[in-house]
Amino acid sequence: MNAPASGLYNLGTGRAQTWLELMGALYSAVDRELEVRWVDTPEEIRDTYQYFTQADMTKLRDAGYTRAVLSRTGRGRGLRDTLFGHSRPVPLRCKERLSR
């Protein structure tokens, strides 16, 4: 970084990803097959639902950070690390939820 910086930074790939891509990576991280049952968005939230998200990396780049933060291929590893606490066994309560 060019100068000391502090604060909150929005991090991600800087590219929008679909729910299906995220869930595919999540299920792959826990060695499960993804089964999707689509349902319509409830009518009462359709007008206010956030259908699109994408990390705005401007603040981080303006602070001088130029390296990649997350990659599409590294996303699965990051999810595994988050879910399993950096290679520690997954807590029982998480295993129970995943088996449902």
PDB file of N, CA and C in Angstrom:
ATOM      1  N   MET A   1       0.833  -1.174   0.000  1.00  0.00           N
ATOM      2  CA  MET A   1       0.000   0.000   0.000  1.00  0.00           C
ATOM      3  C   MET A   1       0.882   1.242   0.000  1.00  0.00           C
ATOM      4  N   ASN A   2       0.387   2.294  -0.587  1.00  0.00           N
ATOM      5  CA  ASN A   2       1.155   3.528  -0.704  1.00  0.00           C
ATOM      6  C   ASN A   2       1.296   4.261   0.628  1.00  0.00           C
ATOM      7  N   ALA A   3       0.253   4.314   1.389  1.00  0.00           N
ATOM      8  CA  ALA A   3       0.270   5.020   2.667  1.00  0.00           C
ATOM      9  C   ALA A   3      -0.518   4.203   3.672  1.00  0.00           C
ATOM     10  N   PRO A   4      -0.224   4.410   4.970  1.00  0.00           N
ATOM     11  CA  PRO A   4      -1.027   3.677   5.952  1.00  0.00           C
ATOM     12  C   PRO A   4      -2.515   3.954   5.733  1.00  0.00           C
ATOM     13  N   ALA A   5      -3.288   2.914   5.735  1.00  0.00           N
ATOM     14  CA  ALA A   5      -4.733   3.053   5.524  1.00  0.00           C
ATOM     15  C   ALA A   5      -5.455   2.255   6.584  1.00  0.00           C
ATOM     16  N   SER A   6      -6.620   2.729   6.933  1.00  0.00           N
ATOM     17  CA  SER A   6      -7.428   1.992   7.890  1.00  0.00           C
ATOM     18  C   SER A   6      -8.886   2.162   7.509  1.00  0.00           C
ATOM     19  N   GLY A   7      -9.725   1.375   8.125  1.00  0.00           N
ATOM     20  CA  GLY A   7     -11.146   1.474   7.852  1.00  0.00           C
ATOM     21  C   GLY A   7     -11.707   0.156   7.365  1.00  0.00           C
ATOM     22  N   LEU A   8     -12.931   0.205   6.912  1.00  0.00           N
ATOM     23  CA  LEU A   8     -13.603  -0.978   6.383  1.00  0.00           C
ATOM     24  C   LEU A   8     -13.459  -0.998   4.883  1.00  0.00           C
ATOM     25  N   TYR A   9     -13.145  -2.170   4.345  1.00  0.00           N
ATOM     26  CA  TYR A   9     -12.939  -2.328   2.914  1.00  0.00           C
ATOM     27  C   TYR A   9     -13.842  -3.426   2.392  1.00  0.00           C
ATOM     28  N   ASN A  10     -14.481  -3.167   1.277  1.00  0.00           N
ATOM     29  CA  ASN A  10     -15.323  -4.158   0.618  1.00  0.00           C
ATOM     30  C   ASN A  10     -14.409  -5.061  -0.197  1.00  0.00           C
ATOM     31  N   LEU A  11     -14.415  -6.352   0.100  1.00  0.00           N
ATOM     32  CA  LEU A  11     -13.523  -7.292  -0.574  1.00  0.00           C
ATOM     33  C   LEU A  11     -14.320  -8.347  -1.313  1.00  0.00           C
ATOM     34  N   GLY A  12     -13.793  -8.793  -2.403  1.00  0.00           N
ATOM     35  CA  GLY A  12     -14.425  -9.841  -3.189  1.00  0.00           C
ATOM     36  C   GLY A  12     -13.664 -10.007  -4.490  1.00  0.00           C
ATOM     37  N   THR A  13     -14.293 -10.606  -5.443  1.00  0.00           N
ATOM     38  CA  THR A  13     -13.660 -10.765  -6.749  1.00  0.00           C
ATOM     39  C   THR A  13     -13.796  -9.504  -7.571  1.00  0.00           C
ATOM     40  N   GLY A  14     -14.745  -8.623  -7.213  1.00  0.00           N
ATOM     41  CA  GLY A  14     -15.037  -7.449  -8.015  1.00  0.00           C
ATOM     42  C   GLY A  14     -15.907  -7.795  -9.215  1.00  0.00           C
ATOM     43  N   ARG A  15     -16.399  -9.003  -9.242  1.00  0.00           N
ATOM     44  CA  ARG A  15     -17.246  -9.489 -10.326  1.00  0.00           C
ATOM     45  C   ARG A  15     -18.494 -10.099  -9.717  1.00  0.00           C
ATOM     46  N   ALA A  16     -19.633  -9.748 -10.252  1.00  0.00           N
ATOM     47  CA  ALA A  16     -20.884 -10.309  -9.744  1.00  0.00           C
ATOM     48  C   ALA A  16     -20.908 -11.813  -9.987  1.00  0.00           C
ATOM     49  N   GLN A  17     -21.466 -12.539  -9.044  1.00  0.00           N
ATOM     50  CA  GLN A  17     -21.611 -13.985  -9.182  1.00  0.00           C
ATOM     51  C   GLN A  17     -23.034 -14.368  -8.842  1.00  0.00           C
ATOM     52  N   THR A  18     -23.520 -15.367  -9.521  1.00  0.00           N
ATOM     53  CA  THR A  18     -24.896 -15.791  -9.290  1.00  0.00           C
ATOM     54  C   THR A  18     -24.984 -16.594  -8.004  1.00  0.00           C
ATOM     55  N   TRP A  19     -26.198 -16.682  -7.512  1.00  0.00           N
ATOM     56  CA  TRP A  19     -26.471 -17.518  -6.351  1.00  0.00           C
ATOM     57  C   TRP A  19     -26.063 -18.958  -6.661  1.00  0.00           C
ATOM     58  N   LEU A  20     -26.335 -19.410  -7.868  1.00  0.00           N
ATOM     59  CA  LEU A  20     -26.011 -20.777  -8.260  1.00  0.00           C
ATOM     60  C   LEU A  20     -24.503 -21.026  -8.239  1.00  0.00           C
ATOM     61  N   GLU A  21     -23.706 -20.045  -8.672  1.00  0.00           N
ATOM     62  CA  GLU A  21     -22.247 -20.184  -8.609  1.00  0.00           C
ATOM     63  C   GLU A  21     -21.775 -20.290  -7.157  1.00  0.00           C
ATOM     64  N   LEU A  22     -22.317 -19.433  -6.308  1.00  0.00           N
ATOM     65  CA  LEU A  22     -21.933 -19.452  -4.893  1.00  0.00           C
ATOM     66  C   LEU A  22     -22.313 -20.775  -4.239  1.00  0.00           C
ATOM     67  N   MET A  23     -23.536 -21.222  -4.460  1.00  0.00           N
ATOM     68  CA  MET A  23     -23.980 -22.486  -3.860  1.00  0.00           C
ATOM     69  C   MET A  23     -23.188 -23.670  -4.418  1.00  0.00           C
ATOM     70  N   GLY A  24     -22.854 -23.617  -5.706  1.00  0.00           N
ATOM     71  CA  GLY A  24     -22.027 -24.680  -6.296  1.00  0.00           C
ATOM     72  C   GLY A  24     -20.681 -24.766  -5.600  1.00  0.00           C
ATOM     73  N   ALA A  25     -20.060 -23.604  -5.341  1.00  0.00           N
ATOM     74  CA  ALA A  25     -18.772 -23.583  -4.638  1.00  0.00           C
ATOM     75  C   ALA A  25     -18.924 -24.064  -3.203  1.00  0.00           C
ATOM     76  N   LEU A  26     -20.004 -23.653  -2.533  1.00  0.00           N
ATOM     77  CA  LEU A  26     -20.242 -24.070  -1.160  1.00  0.00           C
ATOM     78  C   LEU A  26     -20.412 -25.585  -1.060  1.00  0.00           C
ATOM     79  N   TYR A  27     -21.249 -26.137  -1.887  1.00  0.00           N
ATOM     80  CA  TYR A  27     -21.471 -27.579  -1.846  1.00  0.00           C
ATOM     81  C   TYR A  27     -20.217 -28.350  -2.235  1.00  0.00           C
ATOM     82  N   SER A  28     -19.470 -27.844  -3.198  1.00  0.00           N
ATOM     83  CA  SER A  28     -18.215 -28.479  -3.578  1.00  0.00           C
ATOM     84  C   SER A  28     -17.232 -28.466  -2.412  1.00  0.00           C
ATOM     85  N   ALA A  29     -17.211 -27.366  -1.652  1.00  0.00           N
ATOM     86  CA  ALA A  29     -16.301 -27.245  -0.508  1.00  0.00           C
ATOM     87  C   ALA A  29     -16.582 -28.288   0.562  1.00  0.00           C
ATOM     88  N   VAL A  30     -17.826 -28.736   0.660  1.00  0.00           N
ATOM     89  CA  VAL A  30     -18.179 -29.735   1.671  1.00  0.00           C
ATOM     90  C   VAL A  30     -18.439 -31.106   1.032  1.00  0.00           C
ATOM     91  N   ASP A  31     -17.970 -31.261  -0.214  1.00  0.00           N
ATOM     92  CA  ASP A  31     -18.074 -32.540  -0.943  1.00  0.00           C
ATOM     93  C   ASP A  31     -19.502 -33.065  -0.997  1.00  0.00           C
ATOM     94  N   ARG A  32     -20.428 -32.172  -1.325  1.00  0.00           N
ATOM     95  CA  ARG A  32     -21.835 -32.560  -1.467  1.00  0.00           C
ATOM     96  C   ARG A  32     -22.295 -32.220  -2.874  1.00  0.00           C
ATOM     97  N   GLU A  33     -23.264 -32.965  -3.376  1.00  0.00           N
ATOM     98  CA  GLU A  33     -23.841 -32.670  -4.677  1.00  0.00           C
ATOM     99  C   GLU A  33     -24.937 -31.625  -4.503  1.00  0.00           C
ATOM    100  N   LEU A  34     -24.900 -30.620  -5.345  1.00  0.00           N
ATOM    101  CA  LEU A  34     -25.890 -29.545  -5.267  1.00  0.00           C
ATOM    102  C   LEU A  34     -27.194 -29.989  -5.917  1.00  0.00           C
ATOM    103  N   GLU A  35     -28.255 -29.911  -5.167  1.00  0.00           N
ATOM    104  CA  GLU A  35     -29.593 -30.175  -5.690  1.00  0.00           C
ATOM    105  C   GLU A  35     -30.406 -28.908  -5.483  1.00  0.00           C
ATOM    106  N   VAL A  36     -30.882 -28.327  -6.565  1.00  0.00           N
ATOM    107  CA  VAL A  36     -31.605 -27.060  -6.482  1.00  0.00           C
ATOM    108  C   VAL A  36     -33.082 -27.283  -6.759  1.00  0.00           C
ATOM    109  N   ARG A  37     -33.896 -26.748  -5.878  1.00  0.00           N
ATOM    110  CA  ARG A  37     -35.348 -26.695  -6.094  1.00  0.00           C
ATOM    111  C   ARG A  37     -35.714 -25.221  -6.112  1.00  0.00           C
ATOM    112  N   TRP A  38     -35.932 -24.678  -7.288  1.00  0.00           N
ATOM    113  CA  TRP A  38     -36.207 -23.259  -7.445  1.00  0.00           C
ATOM    114  C   TRP A  38     -37.616 -22.924  -6.977  1.00  0.00           C
ATOM    115  N   VAL A  39     -37.750 -21.794  -6.332  1.00  0.00           N
ATOM    116  CA  VAL A  39     -39.064 -21.269  -5.946  1.00  0.00           C
ATOM    117  C   VAL A  39     -39.116 -19.808  -6.373  1.00  0.00           C
ATOM    118  N   ASP A  40     -40.297 -19.321  -6.633  1.00  0.00           N
ATOM    119  CA  ASP A  40     -40.455 -17.920  -7.004  1.00  0.00           C
ATOM    120  C   ASP A  40     -40.155 -17.023  -5.803  1.00  0.00           C
ATOM    121  N   THR A  41     -39.610 -15.860  -6.089  1.00  0.00           N
ATOM    122  CA  THR A  41     -39.404 -14.864  -5.042  1.00  0.00           C
ATOM    123  C   THR A  41     -40.774 -14.427  -4.539  1.00  0.00           C
ATOM    124  N   PRO A  42     -40.975 -14.431  -3.235  1.00  0.00           N
ATOM    125  CA  PRO A  42     -42.284 -14.002  -2.710  1.00  0.00           C
ATOM    126  C   PRO A  42     -42.651 -12.624  -3.240  1.00  0.00           C
ATOM    127  N   GLU A  43     -43.885 -12.495  -3.637  1.00  0.00           N
ATOM    128  CA  GLU A  43     -44.370 -11.260  -4.249  1.00  0.00           C
ATOM    129  C   GLU A  43     -44.142 -10.032  -3.366  1.00  0.00           C
ATOM    130  N   GLU A  44     -44.291 -10.196  -2.047  1.00  0.00           N
ATOM    131  CA  GLU A  44     -44.178  -9.043  -1.148  1.00  0.00           C
ATOM    132  C   GLU A  44     -42.763  -8.481  -1.050  1.00  0.00           C
ATOM    133  N   ILE A  45     -41.733  -9.204  -1.498  1.00  0.00           N
ATOM    134  CA  ILE A  45     -40.375  -8.647  -1.449  1.00  0.00           C
ATOM    135  C   ILE A  45     -39.771  -8.432  -2.836  1.00  0.00           C
ATOM    136  N   ARG A  46     -40.478  -8.754  -3.883  1.00  0.00           N
ATOM    137  CA  ARG A  46     -39.913  -8.650  -5.237  1.00  0.00           C
ATOM    138  C   ARG A  46     -39.406  -7.253  -5.577  1.00  0.00           C
ATOM    139  N   ASP A  47     -40.116  -6.227  -5.159  1.00  0.00           N
ATOM    140  CA  ASP A  47     -39.722  -4.861  -5.517  1.00  0.00           C
ATOM    141  C   ASP A  47     -38.546  -4.336  -4.700  1.00  0.00           C
ATOM    142  N   THR A  48     -38.246  -4.968  -3.571  1.00  0.00           N
ATOM    143  CA  THR A  48     -37.167  -4.476  -2.709  1.00  0.00           C
ATOM    144  C   THR A  48     -36.015  -5.472  -2.573  1.00  0.00           C
ATOM    145  N   TYR A  49     -36.136  -6.650  -3.152  1.00  0.00           N
ATOM    146  CA  TYR A  49     -35.104  -7.676  -3.048  1.00  0.00           C
ATOM    147  C   TYR A  49     -33.850  -7.237  -3.791  1.00  0.00           C
ATOM    148  N   GLN A  50     -32.685  -7.505  -3.232  1.00  0.00           N
ATOM    149  CA  GLN A  50     -31.424  -7.142  -3.868  1.00  0.00           C
ATOM    150  C   GLN A  50     -30.998  -8.295  -4.780  1.00  0.00           C
ATOM    151  N   TYR A  51     -31.244  -8.147  -6.053  1.00  0.00           N
ATOM    152  CA  TYR A  51     -30.962  -9.199  -7.024  1.00  0.00           C
ATOM    153  C   TYR A  51     -29.511  -9.206  -7.491  1.00  0.00           C
ATOM    154  N   PHE A  52     -28.798  -8.125  -7.279  1.00  0.00           N
ATOM    155  CA  PHE A  52     -27.438  -8.002  -7.807  1.00  0.00           C
ATOM    156  C   PHE A  52     -26.518  -7.492  -6.715  1.00  0.00           C
ATOM    157  N   THR A  53     -25.390  -8.151  -6.527  1.00  0.00           N
ATOM    158  CA  THR A  53     -24.350  -7.645  -5.632  1.00  0.00           C
ATOM    159  C   THR A  53     -22.999  -7.846  -6.296  1.00  0.00           C
ATOM    160  N   GLN A  54     -22.128  -6.908  -6.051  1.00  0.00           N
ATOM    161  CA  GLN A  54     -20.769  -6.993  -6.590  1.00  0.00           C
ATOM    162  C   GLN A  54     -19.890  -6.103  -5.734  1.00  0.00           C
ATOM    163  N   ALA A  55     -18.790  -6.642  -5.260  1.00  0.00           N
ATOM    164  CA  ALA A  55     -17.889  -5.862  -4.414  1.00  0.00           C
ATOM    165  C   ALA A  55     -17.312  -4.690  -5.198  1.00  0.00           C
ATOM    166  N   ASP A  56     -17.445  -3.490  -4.635  1.00  0.00           N
ATOM    167  CA  ASP A  56     -16.820  -2.308  -5.210  1.00  0.00           C
ATOM    168  C   ASP A  56     -15.450  -2.176  -4.560  1.00  0.00           C
ATOM    169  N   MET A  57     -14.426  -2.442  -5.325  1.00  0.00           N
ATOM    170  CA  MET A  57     -13.068  -2.495  -4.798  1.00  0.00           C
ATOM    171  C   MET A  57     -12.347  -1.142  -4.873  1.00  0.00           C
ATOM    172  N   THR A  58     -13.065  -0.077  -5.202  1.00  0.00           N
ATOM    173  CA  THR A  58     -12.460   1.235  -5.412  1.00  0.00           C
ATOM    174  C   THR A  58     -11.656   1.707  -4.204  1.00  0.00           C
ATOM    175  N   LYS A  59     -12.222   1.638  -3.006  1.00  0.00           N
ATOM    176  CA  LYS A  59     -11.532   2.147  -1.810  1.00  0.00           C
ATOM    177  C   LYS A  59     -10.219   1.394  -1.586  1.00  0.00           C
ATOM    178  N   LEU A  60     -10.246   0.082  -1.761  1.00  0.00           N
ATOM    179  CA  LEU A  60      -9.042  -0.723  -1.582  1.00  0.00           C
ATOM    180  C   LEU A  60      -7.991  -0.365  -2.626  1.00  0.00           C
ATOM    181  N   ARG A  61      -8.412  -0.232  -3.877  1.00  0.00           N
ATOM    182  CA  ARG A  61      -7.479   0.128  -4.954  1.00  0.00           C
ATOM    183  C   ARG A  61      -6.927   1.535  -4.748  1.00  0.00           C
ATOM    184  N   ASP A  62      -7.790   2.467  -4.318  1.00  0.00           N
ATOM    185  CA  ASP A  62      -7.342   3.836  -4.056  1.00  0.00           C
ATOM    186  C   ASP A  62      -6.320   3.885  -2.921  1.00  0.00           C
ATOM    187  N   ALA A  63      -6.362   2.925  -2.020  1.00  0.00           N
ATOM    188  CA  ALA A  63      -5.388   2.852  -0.924  1.00  0.00           C
ATOM    189  C   ALA A  63      -4.059   2.272  -1.405  1.00  0.00           C
ATOM    190  N   GLY A  64      -4.031   1.805  -2.667  1.00  0.00           N
ATOM    191  CA  GLY A  64      -2.781   1.320  -3.240  1.00  0.00           C
ATOM    192  C   GLY A  64      -2.654  -0.183  -3.325  1.00  0.00           C
ATOM    193  N   TYR A  65      -3.659  -0.917  -2.888  1.00  0.00           N
ATOM    194  CA  TYR A  65      -3.583  -2.378  -2.943  1.00  0.00           C
ATOM    195  C   TYR A  65      -3.946  -2.835  -4.351  1.00  0.00           C
ATOM    196  N   THR A  66      -3.039  -3.563  -5.016  1.00  0.00           N
ATOM    197  CA  THR A  66      -3.259  -3.938  -6.418  1.00  0.00           C
ATOM    198  C   THR A  66      -3.384  -5.436  -6.642  1.00  0.00           C
ATOM    199  N   ARG A  67      -3.039  -6.239  -5.647  1.00  0.00           N
ATOM    200  CA  ARG A  67      -3.111  -7.698  -5.835  1.00  0.00           C
ATOM    201  C   ARG A  67      -4.555  -8.175  -5.819  1.00  0.00           C
ATOM    202  N   ALA A  68      -4.780  -9.383  -6.338  1.00  0.00           N
ATOM    203  CA  ALA A  68      -6.113  -9.982  -6.302  1.00  0.00           C
ATOM    204  C   ALA A  68      -6.459 -10.316  -4.858  1.00  0.00           C
ATOM    205  N   VAL A  69      -7.709 -10.128  -4.488  1.00  0.00           N
ATOM    206  CA  VAL A  69      -8.162 -10.452  -3.139  1.00  0.00           C
ATOM    207  C   VAL A  69      -8.730 -11.861  -3.138  1.00  0.00           C
ATOM    208  N   LEU A  70      -9.641 -12.119  -4.018  1.00  0.00           N
ATOM    209  CA  LEU A  70     -10.227 -13.443  -4.187  1.00  0.00           C
ATOM    210  C   LEU A  70     -10.227 -13.777  -5.665  1.00  0.00           C
ATOM    211  N   SER A  71     -10.063 -15.030  -5.974  1.00  0.00           N
ATOM    212  CA  SER A  71     -10.182 -15.442  -7.366  1.00  0.00           C
ATOM    213  C   SER A  71     -11.357 -16.395  -7.483  1.00  0.00           C
ATOM    214  N   ARG A  72     -11.876 -16.534  -8.663  1.00  0.00           N
ATOM    215  CA  ARG A  72     -12.986 -17.462  -8.857  1.00  0.00           C
ATOM    216  C   ARG A  72     -12.546 -18.875  -8.501  1.00  0.00           C
ATOM    217  N   THR A  73     -11.299 -19.236  -8.843  1.00  0.00           N
ATOM    218  CA  THR A  73     -10.834 -20.584  -8.542  1.00  0.00           C
ATOM    219  C   THR A  73     -10.489 -20.752  -7.074  1.00  0.00           C
ATOM    220  N   GLY A  74     -10.090 -19.680  -6.387  1.00  0.00           N
ATOM    221  CA  GLY A  74      -9.738 -19.767  -4.973  1.00  0.00           C
ATOM    222  C   GLY A  74     -10.926 -19.679  -4.043  1.00  0.00           C
ATOM    223  N   ARG A  75     -12.078 -19.351  -4.592  1.00  0.00           N
ATOM    224  CA  ARG A  75     -13.270 -19.173  -3.762  1.00  0.00           C
ATOM    225  C   ARG A  75     -13.599 -20.442  -2.978  1.00  0.00           C
ATOM    226  N   GLY A  76     -13.508 -21.602  -3.599  1.00  0.00           N
ATOM    227  CA  GLY A  76     -13.820 -22.853  -2.916  1.00  0.00           C
ATOM    228  C   GLY A  76     -12.918 -23.093  -1.720  1.00  0.00           C
ATOM    229  N   ARG A  77     -11.640 -22.780  -1.867  1.00  0.00           N
ATOM    230  CA  ARG A  77     -10.704 -22.949  -0.751  1.00  0.00           C
ATOM    231  C   ARG A  77     -11.071 -22.004   0.390  1.00  0.00           C
ATOM    232  N   GLY A  78     -11.430 -20.761   0.048  1.00  0.00           N
ATOM    233  CA  GLY A  78     -11.829 -19.806   1.076  1.00  0.00           C
ATOM    234  C   GLY A  78     -13.070 -20.260   1.812  1.00  0.00           C
ATOM    235  N   LEU A  79     -14.014 -20.828   1.091  1.00  0.00           N
ATOM    236  CA  LEU A  79     -15.220 -21.361   1.728  1.00  0.00           C
ATOM    237  C   LEU A  79     -14.884 -22.535   2.634  1.00  0.00           C
ATOM    238  N   ARG A  80     -14.023 -23.428   2.167  1.00  0.00           N
ATOM    239  CA  ARG A  80     -13.619 -24.568   3.018  1.00  0.00           C
ATOM    240  C   ARG A  80     -12.954 -24.070   4.291  1.00  0.00           C
ATOM    241  N   ASP A  81     -12.055 -23.086   4.142  1.00  0.00           N
ATOM    242  CA  ASP A  81     -11.377 -22.537   5.322  1.00  0.00           C
ATOM    243  C   ASP A  81     -12.375 -21.917   6.288  1.00  0.00           C
ATOM    244  N   THR A  82     -13.362 -21.206   5.759  1.00  0.00           N
ATOM    245  CA  THR A  82     -14.373 -20.583   6.608  1.00  0.00           C
ATOM    246  C   THR A  82     -15.231 -21.633   7.296  1.00  0.00           C
ATOM    247  N   LEU A  83     -15.676 -22.619   6.546  1.00  0.00           N
ATOM    248  CA  LEU A  83     -16.553 -23.651   7.096  1.00  0.00           C
ATOM    249  C   LEU A  83     -15.843 -24.555   8.091  1.00  0.00           C
ATOM    250  N   PHE A  84     -14.608 -24.887   7.805  1.00  0.00           N
ATOM    251  CA  PHE A  84     -13.902 -25.877   8.605  1.00  0.00           C
ATOM    252  C   PHE A  84     -12.822 -25.274   9.492  1.00  0.00           C
ATOM    253  N   GLY A  85     -12.807 -23.964   9.656  1.00  0.00           N
ATOM    254  CA  GLY A  85     -11.862 -23.326  10.576  1.00  0.00           C
ATOM    255  C   GLY A  85     -10.419 -23.608  10.238  1.00  0.00           C
ATOM    256  N   HIS A  86     -10.063 -23.426   8.988  1.00  0.00           N
ATOM    257  CA  HIS A  86      -8.687 -23.635   8.541  1.00  0.00           C
ATOM    258  C   HIS A  86      -8.202 -25.045   8.876  1.00  0.00           C
ATOM    259  N   SER A  87      -8.932 -26.013   8.385  1.00  0.00           N
ATOM    260  CA  SER A  87      -8.603 -27.439   8.457  1.00  0.00           C
ATOM    261  C   SER A  87      -8.938 -28.102   9.784  1.00  0.00           C
ATOM    262  N   ARG A  88      -9.597 -27.398  10.693  1.00  0.00           N
ATOM    263  CA  ARG A  88     -10.062 -28.069  11.909  1.00  0.00           C
ATOM    264  C   ARG A  88     -11.345 -28.815  11.578  1.00  0.00           C
ATOM    265  N   PRO A  89     -11.678 -29.846  12.324  1.00  0.00           N
ATOM    266  CA  PRO A  89     -12.918 -30.579  12.048  1.00  0.00           C
ATOM    267  C   PRO A  89     -14.135 -29.667  12.155  1.00  0.00           C
ATOM    268  N   VAL A  90     -15.116 -29.909  11.303  1.00  0.00           N
ATOM    269  CA  VAL A  90     -16.339 -29.108  11.322  1.00  0.00           C
ATOM    270  C   VAL A  90     -17.121 -29.431  12.595  1.00  0.00           C
ATOM    271  N   PRO A  91     -17.645 -28.406  13.286  1.00  0.00           N
ATOM    272  CA  PRO A  91     -18.418 -28.662  14.503  1.00  0.00           C
ATOM    273  C   PRO A  91     -19.634 -29.539  14.217  1.00  0.00           C
ATOM    274  N   LEU A  92     -20.026 -30.323  15.184  1.00  0.00           N
ATOM    275  CA  LEU A  92     -21.147 -31.247  15.031  1.00  0.00           C
ATOM    276  C   LEU A  92     -22.405 -30.520  14.576  1.00  0.00           C
ATOM    277  N   ARG A  93     -22.693 -29.348  15.137  1.00  0.00           N
ATOM    278  CA  ARG A  93     -23.928 -28.647  14.764  1.00  0.00           C
ATOM    279  C   ARG A  93     -23.934 -28.310  13.275  1.00  0.00           C
ATOM    280  N   CYS A  94     -22.759 -28.029  12.677  1.00  0.00           N
ATOM    281  CA  CYS A  94     -22.693 -27.760  11.243  1.00  0.00           C
ATOM    282  C   CYS A  94     -22.918 -29.037  10.445  1.00  0.00           C
ATOM    283  N   LYS A  95     -22.343 -30.140  10.899  1.00  0.00           N
ATOM    284  CA  LYS A  95     -22.536 -31.410  10.197  1.00  0.00           C
ATOM    285  C   LYS A  95     -23.999 -31.788  10.176  1.00  0.00           C
ATOM    286  N   GLU A  96     -24.689 -31.553  11.291  1.00  0.00           N
ATOM    287  CA  GLU A  96     -26.108 -31.893  11.350  1.00  0.00           C
ATOM    288  C   GLU A  96     -26.904 -31.078  10.343  1.00  0.00           C
ATOM    289  N   ARG A  97     -26.598 -29.794  10.218  1.00  0.00           N
ATOM    290  CA  ARG A  97     -27.304 -28.947   9.257  1.00  0.00           C
ATOM    291  C   ARG A  97     -27.032 -29.387   7.831  1.00  0.00           C
ATOM    292  N   LEU A  98     -25.788 -29.749   7.545  1.00  0.00           N
ATOM    293  CA  LEU A  98     -25.431 -30.150   6.182  1.00  0.00           C
ATOM    294  C   LEU A  98     -26.048 -31.469   5.790  1.00  0.00           C
ATOM    295  N   SER A  99     -26.364 -32.326   6.744  1.00  0.00           N
ATOM    296  CA  SER A  99     -26.919 -33.640   6.422  1.00  0.00           C
ATOM    297  C   SER A  99     -28.414 -33.601   6.211  1.00  0.00           C
ATOM    298  N   ARG A 100     -29.050 -32.479   6.501  1.00  0.00           N
ATOM    299  CA  ARG A 100     -30.515 -32.384   6.335  1.00  0.00           C
ATOM    300  C   ARG A 100     -30.898 -32.214   4.893  1.00  0.00           C
TER     301      ARG A 100
END
